[in-house]
Amino acid sequence: MWWRSLDGLGIDASWDLLSGDPAEAIVAAARQMGSPLLVVGTHSRSETGHPALGRVSFAVVRKALCPVLVVPSTPGCGGLGGR
């Protein structure tokens, strides 16, 4: 899986399958794990076509106790991006 390649870079990363309100579940899991950083994706676009925060990523940024890195999807990049 793609996250295993992060181990070789010295990055401790994990993923989980959660249920409920996405933003609430992400923030609660991050608090429980003591995450120093959250990385979330967004595929929303503004009216001008530029990347914008979606509902979930916006809520995570507002509610998280740690820094949040929001990564826009890139068409054709493979993996989880490029919807």
N, C-alpha and C. Protein backbone atom coordinates (compact mmCIF):
# COMPACT_ATOMS: atom_id res chain seq x y z
N MET A 1 0.83 -1.19 0.00
CA MET A 1 0.00 0.00 0.00
C MET A 1 0.88 1.26 0.00
N TRP A 2 0.30 2.37 -0.45
CA TRP A 2 1.06 3.61 -0.63
C TRP A 2 1.66 4.14 0.66
N TRP A 3 1.01 3.96 1.79
CA TRP A 3 1.53 4.53 3.03
C TRP A 3 2.77 3.80 3.53
N ARG A 4 2.98 2.58 3.10
CA ARG A 4 4.18 1.84 3.51
C ARG A 4 5.45 2.50 2.99
N SER A 5 5.36 3.16 1.85
CA SER A 5 6.53 3.83 1.30
C SER A 5 6.98 4.99 2.18
N LEU A 6 6.10 5.50 3.02
CA LEU A 6 6.47 6.60 3.92
C LEU A 6 7.42 6.14 5.01
N ASP A 7 7.34 4.85 5.39
CA ASP A 7 8.25 4.32 6.41
C ASP A 7 9.71 4.50 6.01
N GLY A 8 10.01 4.30 4.73
CA GLY A 8 11.37 4.45 4.25
C GLY A 8 11.88 5.88 4.34
N LEU A 9 10.95 6.82 4.46
CA LEU A 9 11.32 8.23 4.58
C LEU A 9 11.36 8.69 6.03
N GLY A 10 11.11 7.75 6.94
CA GLY A 10 11.11 8.09 8.36
C GLY A 10 9.85 8.79 8.81
N ILE A 11 8.77 8.62 8.05
CA ILE A 11 7.50 9.26 8.39
C ILE A 11 6.57 8.22 8.99
N ASP A 12 6.11 8.47 10.21
CA ASP A 12 5.17 7.58 10.88
C ASP A 12 3.76 8.00 10.49
N ALA A 13 3.14 7.25 9.61
CA ALA A 13 1.80 7.57 9.11
C ALA A 13 0.87 6.40 9.33
N SER A 14 -0.40 6.68 9.46
CA SER A 14 -1.39 5.63 9.61
C SER A 14 -2.70 6.07 8.98
N TRP A 15 -3.58 5.13 8.78
CA TRP A 15 -4.91 5.43 8.27
C TRP A 15 -5.90 4.55 9.00
N ASP A 16 -7.16 4.92 8.95
CA ASP A 16 -8.20 4.17 9.62
C ASP A 16 -9.50 4.37 8.87
N LEU A 17 -10.42 3.44 9.02
CA LEU A 17 -11.75 3.55 8.44
C LEU A 17 -12.70 3.91 9.57
N LEU A 18 -13.29 5.09 9.52
CA LEU A 18 -14.12 5.60 10.60
C LEU A 18 -15.56 5.73 10.13
N SER A 19 -16.48 5.82 11.09
CA SER A 19 -17.89 6.03 10.74
C SER A 19 -18.40 7.27 11.45
N GLY A 20 -19.52 7.78 10.98
CA GLY A 20 -20.11 8.98 11.56
C GLY A 20 -19.80 10.20 10.72
N ASP A 21 -20.00 11.37 11.32
CA ASP A 21 -19.68 12.62 10.63
C ASP A 21 -18.19 12.63 10.33
N PRO A 22 -17.80 12.79 9.07
CA PRO A 22 -16.38 12.68 8.71
C PRO A 22 -15.45 13.61 9.49
N ALA A 23 -15.80 14.88 9.57
CA ALA A 23 -14.92 15.84 10.26
C ALA A 23 -14.80 15.51 11.74
N GLU A 24 -15.92 15.22 12.38
CA GLU A 24 -15.91 14.89 13.81
C GLU A 24 -15.08 13.63 14.06
N ALA A 25 -15.23 12.62 13.19
CA ALA A 25 -14.50 11.37 13.37
C ALA A 25 -13.00 11.58 13.17
N ILE A 26 -12.61 12.37 12.19
CA ILE A 26 -11.20 12.63 11.93
C ILE A 26 -10.56 13.38 13.10
N VAL A 27 -11.24 14.40 13.58
CA VAL A 27 -10.70 15.21 14.68
C VAL A 27 -10.63 14.37 15.96
N ALA A 28 -11.65 13.57 16.24
CA ALA A 28 -11.64 12.73 17.45
C ALA A 28 -10.51 11.69 17.39
N ALA A 29 -10.31 11.09 16.23
CA ALA A 29 -9.23 10.10 16.08
C ALA A 29 -7.87 10.77 16.26
N ALA A 30 -7.70 11.96 15.71
CA ALA A 30 -6.43 12.67 15.85
C ALA A 30 -6.15 13.00 17.31
N ARG A 31 -7.18 13.42 18.03
CA ARG A 31 -7.01 13.72 19.46
C ARG A 31 -6.64 12.47 20.23
N GLN A 32 -7.32 11.35 19.93
CA GLN A 32 -7.07 10.10 20.63
C GLN A 32 -5.65 9.60 20.39
N MET A 33 -5.15 9.76 19.17
CA MET A 33 -3.81 9.30 18.82
C MET A 33 -2.72 10.31 19.19
N GLY A 34 -3.11 11.52 19.55
CA GLY A 34 -2.11 12.55 19.84
C GLY A 34 -1.35 12.97 18.59
N SER A 35 -2.04 13.03 17.47
CA SER A 35 -1.41 13.34 16.19
C SER A 35 -0.76 14.73 16.20
N PRO A 36 0.49 14.82 15.74
CA PRO A 36 1.14 16.12 15.65
C PRO A 36 0.74 16.89 14.39
N LEU A 37 0.16 16.19 13.40
CA LEU A 37 -0.22 16.81 12.15
C LEU A 37 -1.29 15.96 11.48
N LEU A 38 -2.28 16.61 10.90
CA LEU A 38 -3.29 15.94 10.07
C LEU A 38 -3.08 16.36 8.63
N VAL A 39 -3.18 15.42 7.72
CA VAL A 39 -3.14 15.72 6.29
C VAL A 39 -4.46 15.26 5.71
N VAL A 40 -5.21 16.19 5.15
CA VAL A 40 -6.49 15.87 4.53
C VAL A 40 -6.50 16.37 3.10
N GLY A 41 -7.25 15.71 2.27
CA GLY A 41 -7.36 16.10 0.88
C GLY A 41 -8.63 16.87 0.62
N THR A 42 -8.65 17.59 -0.47
CA THR A 42 -9.86 18.27 -0.91
C THR A 42 -9.94 18.17 -2.43
N HIS A 43 -11.15 18.03 -2.91
CA HIS A 43 -11.34 18.01 -4.36
C HIS A 43 -12.32 19.11 -4.77
N SER A 44 -12.63 19.99 -3.82
CA SER A 44 -13.54 21.10 -4.11
C SER A 44 -12.85 22.16 -4.96
N ARG A 45 -13.63 22.86 -5.73
CA ARG A 45 -13.12 23.95 -6.57
C ARG A 45 -13.99 25.19 -6.33
N SER A 46 -13.35 26.34 -6.37
CA SER A 46 -14.10 27.59 -6.27
C SER A 46 -14.75 27.89 -7.62
N GLU A 47 -15.52 28.96 -7.67
CA GLU A 47 -16.16 29.34 -8.93
C GLU A 47 -15.15 29.68 -10.02
N THR A 48 -13.94 30.07 -9.61
CA THR A 48 -12.89 30.40 -10.58
C THR A 48 -12.09 29.18 -11.01
N GLY A 49 -12.40 28.01 -10.41
CA GLY A 49 -11.70 26.79 -10.76
C GLY A 49 -10.48 26.49 -9.92
N HIS A 50 -10.15 27.40 -8.99
CA HIS A 50 -9.01 27.18 -8.11
C HIS A 50 -9.42 26.28 -6.95
N PRO A 51 -8.45 25.53 -6.39
CA PRO A 51 -8.79 24.67 -5.25
C PRO A 51 -9.41 25.47 -4.11
N ALA A 52 -10.38 24.87 -3.45
CA ALA A 52 -11.03 25.49 -2.31
C ALA A 52 -11.24 24.43 -1.24
N LEU A 53 -11.42 24.86 -0.02
CA LEU A 53 -11.69 23.90 1.05
C LEU A 53 -13.12 23.38 0.90
N GLY A 54 -13.28 22.08 1.00
CA GLY A 54 -14.60 21.48 1.01
C GLY A 54 -15.17 21.51 2.42
N ARG A 55 -16.38 21.00 2.57
CA ARG A 55 -17.06 21.02 3.86
C ARG A 55 -16.25 20.28 4.92
N VAL A 56 -15.78 19.08 4.61
CA VAL A 56 -15.07 18.27 5.61
C VAL A 56 -13.71 18.88 5.94
N SER A 57 -12.93 19.22 4.92
CA SER A 57 -11.60 19.77 5.20
C SER A 57 -11.71 21.09 5.96
N PHE A 58 -12.71 21.91 5.64
CA PHE A 58 -12.91 23.18 6.36
C PHE A 58 -13.22 22.92 7.83
N ALA A 59 -14.11 21.95 8.10
CA ALA A 59 -14.47 21.63 9.48
C ALA A 59 -13.28 21.06 10.25
N VAL A 60 -12.47 20.24 9.60
CA VAL A 60 -11.29 19.68 10.26
C VAL A 60 -10.31 20.80 10.61
N VAL A 61 -10.08 21.72 9.71
CA VAL A 61 -9.18 22.84 9.97
C VAL A 61 -9.67 23.65 11.17
N ARG A 62 -10.98 23.87 11.25
CA ARG A 62 -11.54 24.67 12.35
C ARG A 62 -11.47 23.95 13.70
N LYS A 63 -11.67 22.62 13.71
CA LYS A 63 -11.85 21.90 14.97
C LYS A 63 -10.59 21.19 15.49
N ALA A 64 -9.63 20.94 14.64
CA ALA A 64 -8.44 20.17 15.06
C ALA A 64 -7.58 20.97 16.02
N LEU A 65 -6.98 20.26 16.96
CA LEU A 65 -6.08 20.89 17.92
C LEU A 65 -4.64 20.94 17.40
N CYS A 66 -4.36 20.19 16.35
CA CYS A 66 -3.02 20.18 15.76
C CYS A 66 -3.05 20.85 14.39
N PRO A 67 -1.91 21.15 13.80
CA PRO A 67 -1.89 21.73 12.46
C PRO A 67 -2.53 20.77 11.44
N VAL A 68 -3.14 21.36 10.42
CA VAL A 68 -3.78 20.58 9.36
C VAL A 68 -3.20 21.03 8.02
N LEU A 69 -2.71 20.07 7.25
CA LEU A 69 -2.22 20.32 5.90
C LEU A 69 -3.29 19.85 4.94
N VAL A 70 -3.84 20.77 4.13
CA VAL A 70 -4.88 20.42 3.16
C VAL A 70 -4.22 20.32 1.79
N VAL A 71 -4.36 19.16 1.17
CA VAL A 71 -3.72 18.87 -0.10
C VAL A 71 -4.79 18.76 -1.19
N PRO A 72 -4.73 19.61 -2.21
CA PRO A 72 -5.72 19.50 -3.29
C PRO A 72 -5.42 18.28 -4.15
N SER A 73 -6.48 17.68 -4.69
CA SER A 73 -6.27 16.55 -5.60
C SER A 73 -5.67 17.07 -6.90
N THR A 74 -4.91 16.22 -7.54
CA THR A 74 -4.29 16.57 -8.81
C THR A 74 -4.72 15.54 -9.85
N PRO A 75 -5.46 15.96 -10.86
CA PRO A 75 -5.89 14.99 -11.87
C PRO A 75 -4.72 14.23 -12.47
N GLY A 76 -4.87 12.93 -12.54
CA GLY A 76 -3.85 12.09 -13.15
C GLY A 76 -2.69 11.74 -12.26
N CYS A 77 -2.74 12.09 -10.97
CA CYS A 77 -1.60 11.81 -10.11
C CYS A 77 -1.61 10.38 -9.60
N GLY A 78 -2.70 9.66 -9.77
CA GLY A 78 -2.79 8.29 -9.26
C GLY A 78 -3.09 8.30 -7.78
N GLY A 79 -3.06 7.14 -7.17
CA GLY A 79 -3.33 7.04 -5.73
C GLY A 79 -4.74 7.48 -5.40
N LEU A 80 -4.87 8.28 -4.36
CA LEU A 80 -6.18 8.69 -3.89
C LEU A 80 -6.65 10.00 -4.51
N GLY A 81 -5.77 10.74 -5.18
CA GLY A 81 -6.15 12.02 -5.74
C GLY A 81 -6.75 11.89 -7.12
N GLY A 82 -7.09 13.01 -7.70
CA GLY A 82 -7.51 13.05 -9.08
C GLY A 82 -8.91 12.55 -9.37
N ARG A 83 -9.86 12.89 -8.51
CA ARG A 83 -11.25 12.49 -8.78
C ARG A 83 -11.75 13.09 -10.04
